């Protein structure tokens, strides 16, 4: 099978690219938050209202990772506060787990959307794989499994 060349830069398997801007300590949650706020590794930041950073316990036993923030998350600036967050809260309550004991985040920190044809609704757009690859490295604290 013939390989189709990619426009993305070649990286070795073990390498990672940090989206953290110069002068930001990406080894702390505060540094990661600052890096996420300044990140322009892809164009998702252009239409987003704000960065939706991760939240939760500093040493969680459980972590939930979504694809991207939704409309309500983008407006509120907090992950999992829209319909998926309500469902998550119900599931956690049913399982007897306090949401403050878990960690919630998304692969990317900005909402990708398109305007509806009528009205003012913002319609969720599926992420392109290359956007999530550019946005994800270095923007989530490292937790050992």
Protein backbone atom coordinates (compact mmCIF):
# COMPACT_ATOMS: atom_id res chain seq x y z
CA UNK A 1 0.00 0.00 0.00
CA UNK A 2 1.34 3.42 -0.95
CA UNK A 3 1.66 6.05 1.80
CA UNK A 4 0.09 9.42 1.23
CA UNK A 5 2.42 12.21 2.39
CA UNK A 6 1.21 14.36 5.26
CA UNK A 7 1.69 18.10 5.62
CA UNK A 8 2.24 17.64 9.36
CA UNK A 9 5.82 17.76 10.67
CA UNK A 10 7.43 14.38 11.20
CA UNK A 11 8.02 13.35 14.80
CA UNK A 12 9.62 10.33 16.33
CA UNK A 13 7.26 7.99 18.15
CA UNK A 14 8.40 9.00 21.62
CA UNK A 15 8.48 12.75 21.06
CA UNK A 16 5.82 15.16 22.20
CA UNK A 17 5.21 18.75 21.31
CA UNK A 18 4.25 21.11 24.10
CA UNK A 19 1.74 23.80 23.30
CA UNK A 20 3.04 25.79 26.28
CA UNK A 21 4.33 29.24 25.25
CA UNK A 22 7.83 30.32 26.23
CA UNK A 23 8.12 31.40 29.84
CA UNK A 24 5.24 29.20 31.06
CA UNK A 25 5.93 26.39 33.52
CA UNK A 26 3.88 23.54 32.07
CA UNK A 27 4.82 21.28 35.01
CA UNK A 28 2.17 22.79 37.30
CA UNK A 29 -1.60 23.01 36.97
CA UNK A 30 -1.38 26.83 37.19
CA UNK A 31 1.23 26.80 34.42
CA UNK A 32 -0.89 24.49 32.27
CA UNK A 33 -3.91 26.76 32.79
CA UNK A 34 -1.84 29.75 31.67
CA UNK A 35 -0.49 27.80 28.68
CA UNK A 36 -3.99 26.72 27.65
CA UNK A 37 -5.22 30.32 27.84
CA UNK A 38 -2.38 31.50 25.57
CA UNK A 39 -2.35 28.47 23.24
CA UNK A 40 -2.66 29.12 19.53
CA UNK A 41 -1.37 25.74 18.30
CA UNK A 42 -4.52 25.40 16.17
CA UNK A 43 -7.32 27.75 15.13
CA UNK A 44 -9.92 26.56 17.67
CA UNK A 45 -9.24 29.57 19.93
CA UNK A 46 -10.41 32.04 17.27
CA UNK A 47 -14.18 31.49 17.68
CA UNK A 48 -14.23 30.29 21.28
CA UNK A 49 -15.57 32.56 24.01
CA UNK A 50 -12.83 31.43 26.39
CA UNK A 51 -10.56 28.55 27.33
CA UNK A 52 -12.32 25.74 29.17
CA UNK A 53 -9.67 24.28 31.45
CA UNK A 54 -9.78 21.09 33.47
CA UNK A 55 -11.16 20.96 37.01
CA UNK A 56 -11.23 18.57 39.90
CA UNK A 57 -9.34 16.84 42.63
CA UNK A 58 -5.55 17.31 42.64
CA UNK A 59 -4.91 13.56 43.03
CA UNK A 60 -7.99 11.93 41.54
CA UNK A 61 -8.73 8.22 41.45
CA UNK A 62 -11.06 8.82 38.49
CA UNK A 63 -10.57 11.06 35.44
CA UNK A 64 -13.15 11.81 32.75
CA UNK A 65 -11.92 13.11 29.39
CA UNK A 66 -14.33 14.51 26.82
CA UNK A 67 -13.65 15.41 23.20
CA UNK A 68 -14.20 19.17 23.42
CA UNK A 69 -16.21 21.69 25.43
CA UNK A 70 -19.77 22.29 24.28
CA UNK A 71 -21.70 25.53 23.94
CA UNK A 72 -22.59 25.78 27.64
CA UNK A 73 -19.04 24.92 28.72
CA UNK A 74 -17.65 27.58 26.39
CA UNK A 75 -19.97 30.22 27.84
CA UNK A 76 -19.40 29.18 31.49
CA UNK A 77 -15.67 28.44 31.24
CA UNK A 78 -16.05 25.11 33.09
CA UNK A 79 -15.96 21.53 31.77
CA UNK A 80 -18.99 19.21 31.82
CA UNK A 81 -21.66 21.77 32.81
CA UNK A 82 -23.96 21.21 29.82
CA UNK A 83 -26.13 18.17 28.98
CA UNK A 84 -23.19 15.72 29.20
CA UNK A 85 -22.25 17.20 32.57
CA UNK A 86 -25.78 16.74 33.89
CA UNK A 87 -25.69 13.11 32.79
CA UNK A 88 -22.25 12.70 34.37
CA UNK A 89 -23.50 14.22 37.66
CA UNK A 90 -26.47 11.82 37.71
CA UNK A 91 -24.22 8.81 37.04
CA UNK A 92 -21.74 9.89 39.73
CA UNK A 93 -24.55 10.40 42.27
CA UNK A 94 -26.01 6.99 41.43
CA UNK A 95 -22.56 5.42 41.92
CA UNK A 96 -22.08 7.28 45.21
CA UNK A 97 -19.12 9.31 43.91
CA UNK A 98 -18.68 12.97 44.84
CA UNK A 99 -17.89 15.03 41.72
CA UNK A 100 -15.31 17.05 43.68
CA UNK A 101 -13.27 13.82 44.02
CA UNK A 102 -12.90 13.28 40.25
CA UNK A 103 -11.05 15.18 37.54
CA UNK A 104 -12.85 16.38 34.39
CA UNK A 105 -11.24 17.70 31.24
CA UNK A 106 -11.44 17.66 27.45
CA UNK A 107 -8.88 16.73 24.82
CA UNK A 108 -9.05 20.29 23.49
CA UNK A 109 -9.81 23.39 25.53
CA UNK A 110 -11.88 25.41 23.02
CA UNK A 111 -15.36 24.88 21.54
CA UNK A 112 -15.46 24.28 17.78
CA UNK A 113 -18.74 25.47 16.35
CA UNK A 114 -20.52 26.91 13.34
CA UNK A 115 -23.43 29.38 13.36
CA UNK A 116 -26.86 27.93 12.66
CA UNK A 117 -28.49 28.88 9.38
CA UNK A 118 -31.24 30.72 11.28
CA UNK A 119 -31.10 32.24 14.70
CA UNK A 120 -28.20 32.61 17.09
CA UNK A 121 -27.52 28.97 18.02
CA UNK A 122 -23.95 27.72 17.87
CA UNK A 123 -23.82 24.24 16.36
CA UNK A 124 -21.16 21.80 17.56
CA UNK A 125 -18.66 20.82 14.86
CA UNK A 126 -16.76 17.56 15.02
CA UNK A 127 -13.04 17.95 15.62
CA UNK A 128 -10.57 17.15 12.89
CA UNK A 129 -8.01 14.64 14.19
CA UNK A 130 -5.10 16.92 13.34
CA UNK A 131 -6.60 19.72 15.49
CA UNK A 132 -6.83 17.50 18.54
CA UNK A 133 -3.27 16.25 17.96
CA UNK A 134 -1.97 19.82 17.91
CA UNK A 135 -3.99 20.99 20.88
CA UNK A 136 -3.67 18.05 23.25
CA UNK A 137 0.06 17.69 24.00
CA UNK A 138 1.22 19.38 27.16
CA UNK A 139 -2.13 20.77 28.20
CA UNK A 140 -3.18 18.16 30.73
CA UNK A 141 -1.45 17.44 34.03
CA UNK A 142 0.45 14.17 34.13
CA UNK A 143 -1.15 11.55 36.34
CA UNK A 144 0.43 8.16 36.73
CA UNK A 145 -1.87 5.30 35.88
